[in-house]
Amino acid sequence: MDLKLSNRIGSSVLTRRRIPFVGAFCVLSLGLSSFSSSSFKPGCAAQSLSFAPLLRSKFSSKASSSSSSSIKMEESSKTVPSIVVYVTVPNREAGKKLANSIVREKLAACVNIVPGVESVYEWEGKVQSDSEELLIIKTRQSLLESLTEHVNANHEYDVPEVIALPITGGSDKYLEWLKNSTRN
């Protein structure tokens, strides 16, 4: 009985630690923009998100109409084509240093540092496993080349990860802020 209880408790803690990252990944990857500011508070993804209805609504055959708080990128002259860029770093200090330099240079509007990422990859013919942190960088599409050069010049890895995903829509105020917070 005690063993079963401790396994459930350990599993619950593990689940709670993973859900914010998984939630952020799902929101970013799927482009879910159905959250309103009154129903979604940062850091509370594990408490109230039910992904099944969101996924059903995202992939249903009916086209959903855009709310007034979200837009498609091409519909507004107040925004620019924008991307989310993933960069892994070996530790918190390296992540903070790189994130600060990216924002200071106006290569991105915002960089999230997500701790506790376990990366499994092949390097020099061997499967490796390392604890890393993930930088989630929001920027203009036009800055990808400059951002990549900056990461390559300031990263301690020989081959740093720089992967870009398009932002196809979202909060108009946030996307305007992203545009105004980055260089042209």
C-alpha atoms as a PDB file:
ATOM      1  CA  MET A   1       0.000   0.000   0.000  1.00  0.00           C
ATOM      2  CA  ASP A   2       2.743   2.469   0.952  1.00  0.00           C
ATOM      3  CA  LEU A   3       4.670   1.578  -2.211  1.00  0.00           C
ATOM      4  CA  LYS A   4       1.648   2.278  -4.396  1.00  0.00           C
ATOM      5  CA  LEU A   5       1.025   5.592  -2.638  1.00  0.00           C
ATOM      6  CA  SER A   6       4.650   6.698  -2.979  1.00  0.00           C
ATOM      7  CA  ASN A   7       4.645   5.758  -6.684  1.00  0.00           C
ATOM      8  CA  ARG A   8       1.521   7.858  -7.227  1.00  0.00           C
ATOM      9  CA  ILE A   9       3.012  10.778  -5.321  1.00  0.00           C
ATOM     10  CA  GLY A  10       6.282  10.540  -7.271  1.00  0.00           C
ATOM     11  CA  SER A  11       4.350  10.280 -10.531  1.00  0.00           C
ATOM     12  CA  SER A  12       2.228  13.282  -9.577  1.00  0.00           C
ATOM     13  CA  VAL A  13       5.316  15.398  -8.880  1.00  0.00           C
ATOM     14  CA  LEU A  14       6.877  14.298 -12.170  1.00  0.00           C
ATOM     15  CA  THR A  15       3.671  15.107 -14.045  1.00  0.00           C
ATOM     16  CA  ARG A  16       3.453  18.555 -12.451  1.00  0.00           C
ATOM     17  CA  ARG A  17       7.053  19.289 -13.428  1.00  0.00           C
ATOM     18  CA  ARG A  18       6.449  18.275 -17.048  1.00  0.00           C
ATOM     19  CA  ILE A  19       3.042  19.827 -17.723  1.00  0.00           C
ATOM     20  CA  PRO A  20       4.136  23.513 -17.987  1.00  0.00           C
ATOM     21  CA  PHE A  21       6.778  22.594 -20.584  1.00  0.00           C
ATOM     22  CA  VAL A  22       4.463  20.209 -22.426  1.00  0.00           C
ATOM     23  CA  GLY A  23       1.695  22.809 -22.289  1.00  0.00           C
ATOM     24  CA  ALA A  24       3.950  25.532 -23.629  1.00  0.00           C
ATOM     25  CA  PHE A  25       5.184  23.233 -26.374  1.00  0.00           C
ATOM     26  CA  CYS A  26       1.620  22.291 -27.363  1.00  0.00           C
ATOM     27  CA  VAL A  27       0.487  25.909 -27.370  1.00  0.00           C
ATOM     28  CA  LEU A  28       3.484  27.016 -29.440  1.00  0.00           C
ATOM     29  CA  SER A  29       3.514  24.049 -31.811  1.00  0.00           C
ATOM     30  CA  LEU A  30      -0.205  23.906 -32.448  1.00  0.00           C
ATOM     31  CA  GLY A  31      -0.744  27.651 -32.530  1.00  0.00           C
ATOM     32  CA  LEU A  32      -3.603  27.463 -30.063  1.00  0.00           C
ATOM     33  CA  SER A  33      -4.855  31.002 -29.602  1.00  0.00           C
ATOM     34  CA  SER A  34      -8.180  30.335 -27.947  1.00  0.00           C
ATOM     35  CA  PHE A  35      -7.019  31.415 -24.501  1.00  0.00           C
ATOM     36  CA  SER A  36      -8.412  34.714 -23.273  1.00  0.00           C
ATOM     37  CA  SER A  37      -6.474  36.767 -20.762  1.00  0.00           C
ATOM     38  CA  SER A  38      -9.184  36.254 -18.154  1.00  0.00           C
ATOM     39  CA  SER A  39      -9.179  32.459 -18.356  1.00  0.00           C
ATOM     40  CA  PHE A  40      -5.466  31.759 -18.808  1.00  0.00           C
ATOM     41  CA  LYS A  41      -2.895  32.933 -16.312  1.00  0.00           C
ATOM     42  CA  PRO A  42       0.830  32.337 -16.889  1.00  0.00           C
ATOM     43  CA  GLY A  43       2.158  29.475 -14.806  1.00  0.00           C
ATOM     44  CA  CYS A  44      -1.259  27.907 -14.256  1.00  0.00           C
ATOM     45  CA  ALA A  45      -1.324  25.538 -17.217  1.00  0.00           C
ATOM     46  CA  ALA A  46      -1.197  22.468 -15.006  1.00  0.00           C
ATOM     47  CA  GLN A  47      -4.208  23.575 -12.992  1.00  0.00           C
ATOM     48  CA  SER A  48      -6.856  24.175 -15.631  1.00  0.00           C
ATOM     49  CA  LEU A  49      -5.883  23.075 -19.140  1.00  0.00           C
ATOM     50  CA  SER A  50      -7.801  20.236 -20.688  1.00  0.00           C
ATOM     51  CA  PHE A  51      -6.109  19.503 -23.997  1.00  0.00           C
ATOM     52  CA  ALA A  52      -8.744  17.192 -25.460  1.00  0.00           C
ATOM     53  CA  PRO A  53     -11.325  19.930 -26.204  1.00  0.00           C
ATOM     54  CA  LEU A  54      -8.602  22.255 -27.487  1.00  0.00           C
ATOM     55  CA  LEU A  55      -7.190  19.640 -29.816  1.00  0.00           C
ATOM     56  CA  ARG A  56     -10.678  18.700 -31.034  1.00  0.00           C
ATOM     57  CA  SER A  57     -11.473  22.340 -31.770  1.00  0.00           C
ATOM     58  CA  LYS A  58      -8.110  22.899 -33.458  1.00  0.00           C
ATOM     59  CA  PHE A  59      -8.420  19.907 -35.770  1.00  0.00           C
ATOM     60  CA  SER A  60     -12.167  19.825 -36.326  1.00  0.00           C
ATOM     61  CA  SER A  61     -13.479  20.107 -39.868  1.00  0.00           C
ATOM     62  CA  LYS A  62     -15.302  23.334 -39.070  1.00  0.00           C
ATOM     63  CA  ALA A  63     -13.206  26.460 -39.441  1.00  0.00           C
ATOM     64  CA  SER A  64     -13.208  28.472 -36.260  1.00  0.00           C
ATOM     65  CA  SER A  65     -13.725  32.206 -36.447  1.00  0.00           C
ATOM     66  CA  SER A  66     -11.078  34.547 -35.064  1.00  0.00           C
ATOM     67  CA  SER A  67     -11.913  36.463 -31.928  1.00  0.00           C
ATOM     68  CA  SER A  68     -11.243  40.173 -31.676  1.00  0.00           C
ATOM     69  CA  SER A  69      -8.268  39.524 -29.360  1.00  0.00           C
ATOM     70  CA  SER A  70      -6.389  37.389 -31.884  1.00  0.00           C
ATOM     71  CA  ILE A  71      -5.346  37.897 -35.482  1.00  0.00           C
ATOM     72  CA  LYS A  72      -3.674  36.138 -38.349  1.00  0.00           C
ATOM     73  CA  MET A  73      -0.246  37.532 -39.119  1.00  0.00           C
ATOM     74  CA  GLU A  74      -0.996  38.595 -42.671  1.00  0.00           C
ATOM     75  CA  GLU A  75      -4.144  40.532 -41.738  1.00  0.00           C
ATOM     76  CA  SER A  76      -2.508  43.342 -39.766  1.00  0.00           C
ATOM     77  CA  SER A  77      -0.033  45.996 -40.823  1.00  0.00           C
ATOM     78  CA  LYS A  78       0.817  46.520 -37.136  1.00  0.00           C
ATOM     79  CA  THR A  79       2.609  43.160 -37.014  1.00  0.00           C
ATOM     80  CA  VAL A  80       5.417  41.497 -38.928  1.00  0.00           C
ATOM     81  CA  PRO A  81       6.013  37.848 -39.829  1.00  0.00           C
ATOM     82  CA  SER A  82       7.260  36.381 -36.564  1.00  0.00           C
ATOM     83  CA  ILE A  83       8.850  33.150 -35.374  1.00  0.00           C
ATOM     84  CA  VAL A  84       9.592  31.157 -32.247  1.00  0.00           C
ATOM     85  CA  VAL A  85      13.165  29.895 -32.085  1.00  0.00           C
ATOM     86  CA  TYR A  86      14.357  27.021 -29.870  1.00  0.00           C
ATOM     87  CA  VAL A  87      17.935  27.038 -28.601  1.00  0.00           C
ATOM     88  CA  THR A  88      19.234  24.591 -25.987  1.00  0.00           C
ATOM     89  CA  VAL A  89      21.934  25.587 -23.509  1.00  0.00           C
ATOM     90  CA  PRO A  90      23.945  23.504 -21.034  1.00  0.00           C
ATOM     91  CA  ASN A  91      22.857  25.330 -17.857  1.00  0.00           C
ATOM     92  CA  ARG A  92      20.968  28.263 -16.347  1.00  0.00           C
ATOM     93  CA  GLU A  93      23.939  30.637 -16.302  1.00  0.00           C
ATOM     94  CA  ALA A  94      24.674  30.107 -20.001  1.00  0.00           C
ATOM     95  CA  GLY A  95      20.968  30.504 -20.768  1.00  0.00           C
ATOM     96  CA  LYS A  96      20.617  33.771 -18.865  1.00  0.00           C
ATOM     97  CA  LYS A  97      23.776  35.187 -20.411  1.00  0.00           C
ATOM     98  CA  LEU A  98      22.682  34.301 -23.952  1.00  0.00           C
ATOM     99  CA  ALA A  99      19.064  35.424 -23.371  1.00  0.00           C
ATOM    100  CA  ASN A 100      20.188  38.788 -21.998  1.00  0.00           C
ATOM    101  CA  SER A 101      22.508  39.429 -24.940  1.00  0.00           C
ATOM    102  CA  ILE A 102      19.772  38.492 -27.438  1.00  0.00           C
ATOM    103  CA  VAL A 103      17.224  40.873 -25.892  1.00  0.00           C
ATOM    104  CA  ARG A 104      19.801  43.630 -25.330  1.00  0.00           C
ATOM    105  CA  GLU A 105      20.723  43.482 -29.048  1.00  0.00           C
ATOM    106  CA  LYS A 106      16.985  43.628 -29.904  1.00  0.00           C
ATOM    107  CA  LEU A 107      17.269  40.330 -31.774  1.00  0.00           C
ATOM    108  CA  ALA A 108      14.181  39.144 -29.870  1.00  0.00           C
ATOM    109  CA  ALA A 109      11.363  40.624 -27.850  1.00  0.00           C
ATOM    110  CA  CYS A 110      11.347  37.870 -25.247  1.00  0.00           C
ATOM    111  CA  VAL A 111      13.286  34.760 -24.279  1.00  0.00           C
ATOM    112  CA  ASN A 112      11.794  32.131 -21.969  1.00  0.00           C
ATOM    113  CA  ILE A 113      14.242  29.891 -20.133  1.00  0.00           C
ATOM    114  CA  VAL A 114      12.727  26.454 -19.528  1.00  0.00           C
ATOM    115  CA  PRO A 115      14.687  24.344 -17.016  1.00  0.00           C
ATOM    116  CA  GLY A 116      14.853  20.580 -16.776  1.00  0.00           C
ATOM    117  CA  VAL A 117      15.077  19.517 -20.412  1.00  0.00           C
ATOM    118  CA  GLU A 118      16.690  16.126 -21.011  1.00  0.00           C
ATOM    119  CA  SER A 119      18.215  15.868 -24.491  1.00  0.00           C
ATOM    120  CA  VAL A 120      19.035  12.533 -26.102  1.00  0.00           C
ATOM    121  CA  TYR A 121      21.025  12.782 -29.322  1.00  0.00           C
ATOM    122  CA  GLU A 122      23.767  11.155 -31.365  1.00  0.00           C
ATOM    123  CA  TRP A 123      27.138  12.888 -31.351  1.00  0.00           C
ATOM    124  CA  GLU A 124      30.417  11.541 -32.730  1.00  0.00           C
ATOM    125  CA  GLY A 125      28.891   8.089 -33.253  1.00  0.00           C
ATOM    126  CA  LYS A 126      27.532   7.675 -29.706  1.00  0.00           C
ATOM    127  CA  VAL A 127      24.086   8.233 -28.217  1.00  0.00           C
ATOM    128  CA  GLN A 128      24.419  10.958 -25.595  1.00  0.00           C
ATOM    129  CA  SER A 129      22.051  12.178 -22.878  1.00  0.00           C
ATOM    130  CA  ASP A 130      22.422  15.572 -21.192  1.00  0.00           C
ATOM    131  CA  SER A 131      20.433  17.828 -18.914  1.00  0.00           C
ATOM    132  CA  GLU A 132      19.906  21.166 -20.633  1.00  0.00           C
ATOM    133  CA  GLU A 133      17.716  24.220 -20.530  1.00  0.00           C
ATOM    134  CA  LEU A 134      15.602  25.388 -23.447  1.00  0.00           C
ATOM    135  CA  LEU A 135      15.440  28.975 -24.654  1.00  0.00           C
ATOM    136  CA  ILE A 136      12.155  29.837 -26.353  1.00  0.00           C
ATOM    137  CA  ILE A 137      12.856  33.002 -28.325  1.00  0.00           C
ATOM    138  CA  LYS A 138      10.141  35.185 -29.889  1.00  0.00           C
ATOM    139  CA  THR A 139      11.344  37.373 -32.734  1.00  0.00           C
ATOM    140  CA  ARG A 140      10.793  38.653 -36.249  1.00  0.00           C
ATOM    141  CA  GLN A 141      11.282  36.212 -39.098  1.00  0.00           C
ATOM    142  CA  SER A 142      13.608  38.745 -40.744  1.00  0.00           C
ATOM    143  CA  LEU A 143      16.000  38.530 -37.760  1.00  0.00           C
ATOM    144  CA  LEU A 144      16.581  34.756 -37.955  1.00  0.00           C
ATOM    145  CA  GLU A 145      19.913  35.028 -39.794  1.00  0.00           C
ATOM    146  CA  SER A 146      21.266  37.669 -37.386  1.00  0.00           C
ATOM    147  CA  LEU A 147      19.968  35.722 -34.383  1.00  0.00           C
ATOM    148  CA  THR A 148      21.590  32.508 -35.654  1.00  0.00           C
ATOM    149  CA  GLU A 149      24.925  34.313 -36.137  1.00  0.00           C
ATOM    150  CA  HIS A 150      24.650  35.770 -32.619  1.00  0.00           C
ATOM    151  CA  VAL A 151      23.914  32.352 -31.097  1.00  0.00           C
ATOM    152  CA  ASN A 152      26.799  30.723 -33.002  1.00  0.00           C
ATOM    153  CA  ALA A 153      29.218  33.458 -31.862  1.00  0.00           C
ATOM    154  CA  ASN A 154      28.110  33.410 -28.199  1.00  0.00           C
ATOM    155  CA  HIS A 155      27.282  29.750 -27.515  1.00  0.00           C
ATOM    156  CA  GLU A 156      29.667  27.251 -25.958  1.00  0.00           C
ATOM    157  CA  TYR A 157      28.504  24.317 -28.125  1.00  0.00           C
ATOM    158  CA  ASP A 158      30.293  23.529 -31.385  1.00  0.00           C
ATOM    159  CA  VAL A 159      26.911  23.040 -33.081  1.00  0.00           C
ATOM    160  CA  PRO A 160      24.206  24.923 -31.157  1.00  0.00           C
ATOM    161  CA  GLU A 161      20.568  24.123 -31.827  1.00  0.00           C
ATOM    162  CA  VAL A 162      18.737  26.934 -33.624  1.00  0.00           C
ATOM    163  CA  ILE A 163      15.307  25.810 -34.825  1.00  0.00           C
ATOM    164  CA  ALA A 164      12.639  28.262 -35.997  1.00  0.00           C
ATOM    165  CA  LEU A 165       8.876  27.744 -36.107  1.00  0.00           C
ATOM    166  CA  PRO A 166       6.452  30.246 -37.672  1.00  0.00           C
ATOM    167  CA  ILE A 167       3.946  32.177 -35.597  1.00  0.00           C
ATOM    168  CA  THR A 168       0.785  32.157 -37.688  1.00  0.00           C
ATOM    169  CA  GLY A 169      -1.408  34.197 -35.373  1.00  0.00           C
ATOM    170  CA  GLY A 170      -2.072  35.242 -31.817  1.00  0.00           C
ATOM    171  CA  SER A 171      -2.835  38.221 -29.622  1.00  0.00           C
ATOM    172  CA  ASP A 172      -2.631  41.371 -31.705  1.00  0.00           C
ATOM    173  CA  LYS A 173      -1.267  43.403 -28.786  1.00  0.00           C
ATOM    174  CA  TYR A 174       1.468  40.835 -28.103  1.00  0.00           C
ATOM    175  CA  LEU A 175       2.463  40.629 -31.770  1.00  0.00           C
ATOM    176  CA  GLU A 176       2.579  44.431 -32.008  1.00  0.00           C
ATOM    177  CA  TRP A 177       4.767  44.487 -28.880  1.00  0.00           C
ATOM    178  CA  LEU A 178       7.028  41.839 -30.453  1.00  0.00           C
ATOM    179  CA  LYS A 179       7.414  44.034 -33.554  1.00  0.00           C
ATOM    180  CA  ASN A 180       8.093  47.199 -31.533  1.00  0.00           C
ATOM    181  CA  SER A 181      10.588  45.464 -29.209  1.00  0.00           C
ATOM    182  CA  THR A 182      12.876  44.186 -31.968  1.00  0.00           C
ATOM    183  CA  ARG A 183      15.123  45.902 -34.476  1.00  0.00           C
ATOM    184  CA  ASN A 184      14.016  46.346 -38.090  1.00  0.00           C
END
